Amino acid sequence: MSVTDVFPLIKAPEDWPVPVVATIAMVCLAGLDLAGAVLAKEWATNGSVRALVLGAGAFLVLLWVYASSLRYAELALVTMGWVVMLQVGLVLVDRWRYGVELPTGKWVAIGVVLVAQAYLVLAPSATQASAAAGGGG
């Protein structure tokens, strides 16, 4: 008996294109990670055992979704997309829930970092670029 017999990986419908599956995975991963981060903050601030248990559960589900998504999409693509979405969510949660005020310079830096990360996610991968370069000669 293997672990995947007890916890089978999530399977996407076969007719769904890989970009759709990857995007859904990134959104789910960012949401789970954001929920886990907020629950960790609540546990650290208030000592809530409920927040600890729910946060640990969120991160276990996150690992399951992450492993499942890697059957369909590249590791770097899924991870970078997840991180970009998570960063936006964390900045917004800090701003609205915890009242963190950032100066204009930090907002500009956040924008530059997000644009750079978007480029990393959306630009052609190295294997596609090298295949295209090699195919022309």
Protein backbone atom coordinates (compact mmCIF):
# COMPACT_ATOMS: atom_id res chain seq x y z
CA MET A 1 0.00 0.00 0.00
CA SER A 2 1.41 3.37 -1.02
CA VAL A 3 0.68 6.83 0.30
CA THR A 4 -1.18 7.70 -2.91
CA ASP A 5 -3.61 4.86 -2.15
CA VAL A 6 -4.56 6.60 1.10
CA PHE A 7 -4.27 10.20 -0.19
CA PRO A 8 -4.80 10.10 -3.96
CA LEU A 9 -3.66 13.13 -5.93
CA ILE A 10 -6.34 15.44 -7.28
CA LYS A 11 -7.11 14.79 -10.94
CA ALA A 12 -8.22 17.50 -13.31
CA PRO A 13 -10.66 16.69 -16.11
CA GLU A 14 -8.76 15.50 -19.18
CA ASP A 15 -10.34 18.08 -21.49
CA TRP A 16 -9.12 21.06 -19.40
CA PRO A 17 -6.10 22.82 -20.91
CA VAL A 18 -2.92 22.92 -18.81
CA PRO A 19 -2.98 26.74 -18.40
CA VAL A 20 -6.47 26.52 -16.85
CA VAL A 21 -5.42 23.76 -14.45
CA ALA A 22 -2.24 25.65 -13.54
CA THR A 23 -4.15 28.89 -12.90
CA ILE A 24 -6.72 27.15 -10.71
CA ALA A 25 -3.88 25.47 -8.80
CA MET A 26 -2.09 28.80 -8.28
CA VAL A 27 -5.24 30.48 -6.97
CA CYS A 28 -5.98 27.56 -4.63
CA LEU A 29 -2.39 27.49 -3.36
CA ALA A 30 -2.34 31.24 -2.76
CA GLY A 31 -5.69 31.08 -0.96
CA LEU A 32 -4.64 28.18 1.25
CA ASP A 33 -1.29 29.80 2.02
CA LEU A 34 -2.94 33.13 2.80
CA ALA A 35 -5.47 31.43 5.10
CA GLY A 36 -2.66 29.54 6.84
CA ALA A 37 -0.65 32.74 7.26
CA VAL A 38 -3.58 34.63 8.80
CA LEU A 39 -4.30 31.69 11.11
CA ALA A 40 -0.63 31.57 12.12
CA LYS A 41 -0.77 35.29 12.93
CA GLU A 42 -3.91 34.74 15.01
CA TRP A 43 -2.26 31.86 16.86
CA ALA A 44 0.88 33.91 17.50
CA THR A 45 -1.13 36.93 18.66
CA ASN A 46 -3.93 35.31 20.66
CA GLY A 47 -2.66 31.77 21.36
CA SER A 48 -5.80 30.31 19.78
CA VAL A 49 -5.57 26.52 19.56
CA ARG A 50 -8.37 26.60 16.99
CA ALA A 51 -6.24 28.84 14.74
CA LEU A 52 -3.28 26.47 15.18
CA VAL A 53 -5.28 23.40 14.17
CA LEU A 54 -7.00 25.12 11.23
CA GLY A 55 -3.69 26.60 10.05
CA ALA A 56 -1.93 23.25 10.19
CA GLY A 57 -4.83 21.74 8.25
CA ALA A 58 -4.63 24.51 5.64
CA PHE A 59 -0.93 23.82 5.09
CA LEU A 60 -1.50 20.06 4.81
CA VAL A 61 -4.18 20.65 2.17
CA LEU A 62 -1.80 23.12 0.47
CA LEU A 63 0.85 20.40 0.17
CA TRP A 64 -1.72 18.00 -1.31
CA VAL A 65 -2.91 20.57 -3.88
CA TYR A 66 0.71 21.50 -4.70
CA ALA A 67 1.74 17.91 -5.32
CA SER A 68 -1.37 17.32 -7.41
CA SER A 69 -0.75 20.42 -9.52
CA LEU A 70 2.75 19.30 -10.41
CA ARG A 71 1.28 16.45 -12.43
CA TYR A 72 -0.02 19.03 -14.89
CA ALA A 73 2.24 22.09 -14.84
CA GLU A 74 5.88 23.05 -14.40
CA LEU A 75 7.25 23.43 -10.89
CA ALA A 76 8.59 26.95 -11.48
CA LEU A 77 5.41 28.19 -13.16
CA VAL A 78 3.06 26.99 -10.43
CA THR A 79 5.36 28.15 -7.64
CA MET A 80 6.00 31.63 -9.03
CA GLY A 81 2.32 32.22 -9.82
CA TRP A 82 1.36 31.09 -6.33
CA VAL A 83 3.98 33.34 -4.71
CA VAL A 84 2.94 36.40 -6.73
CA MET A 85 -0.71 35.96 -5.75
CA LEU A 86 0.23 35.26 -2.14
CA GLN A 87 2.34 38.41 -1.90
CA VAL A 88 -0.50 40.57 -3.16
CA GLY A 89 -2.87 38.94 -0.69
CA LEU A 90 -0.51 39.36 2.26
CA VAL A 91 0.08 43.04 1.53
CA LEU A 92 -3.67 43.62 1.31
CA VAL A 93 -4.41 41.66 4.51
CA ASP A 94 -1.68 43.55 6.36
CA ARG A 95 -3.15 46.82 5.13
CA TRP A 96 -6.83 46.13 5.81
CA ARG A 97 -6.84 43.70 8.74
CA TYR A 98 -3.77 44.74 10.70
CA GLY A 99 -3.59 48.43 9.74
CA VAL A 100 -0.04 48.38 8.34
CA GLU A 101 0.73 51.64 6.55
CA LEU A 102 3.42 51.48 3.85
CA PRO A 103 5.19 54.56 2.50
CA THR A 104 4.97 55.34 -1.23
CA GLY A 105 8.50 54.04 -1.89
CA LYS A 106 7.58 50.61 -0.62
CA TRP A 107 4.45 50.53 -2.79
CA VAL A 108 6.64 51.35 -5.80
CA ALA A 109 9.07 48.58 -4.84
CA ILE A 110 6.18 46.12 -4.48
CA GLY A 111 4.98 47.09 -7.96
CA VAL A 112 8.44 46.59 -9.48
CA VAL A 113 8.81 43.19 -7.81
CA LEU A 114 5.35 42.08 -8.96
CA VAL A 115 6.06 43.14 -12.55
CA ALA A 116 9.37 41.22 -12.48
CA GLN A 117 7.67 38.14 -11.06
CA ALA A 118 4.88 38.37 -13.63
CA TYR A 119 7.54 38.41 -16.33
CA LEU A 120 9.08 35.25 -14.82
CA VAL A 121 5.70 33.52 -14.83
CA LEU A 122 4.44 34.69 -18.22
CA ALA A 123 7.63 34.75 -20.33
CA PRO A 124 8.44 31.68 -22.43
CA SER A 125 10.30 29.01 -20.50
CA ALA A 126 13.94 28.18 -21.23
CA THR A 127 13.09 24.89 -22.95
CA GLN A 128 10.61 26.57 -25.29
CA ALA A 129 13.06 29.35 -26.15
CA SER A 130 15.95 26.94 -26.78
CA ALA A 131 13.74 24.65 -28.89
CA ALA A 132 12.66 27.61 -31.00
CA ALA A 133 16.27 28.77 -31.41
CA GLY A 134 17.45 25.28 -32.32
CA GLY A 135 14.62 24.67 -34.78
CA GLY A 136 15.54 27.62 -36.99
CA GLY A 137 19.01 26.38 -37.96
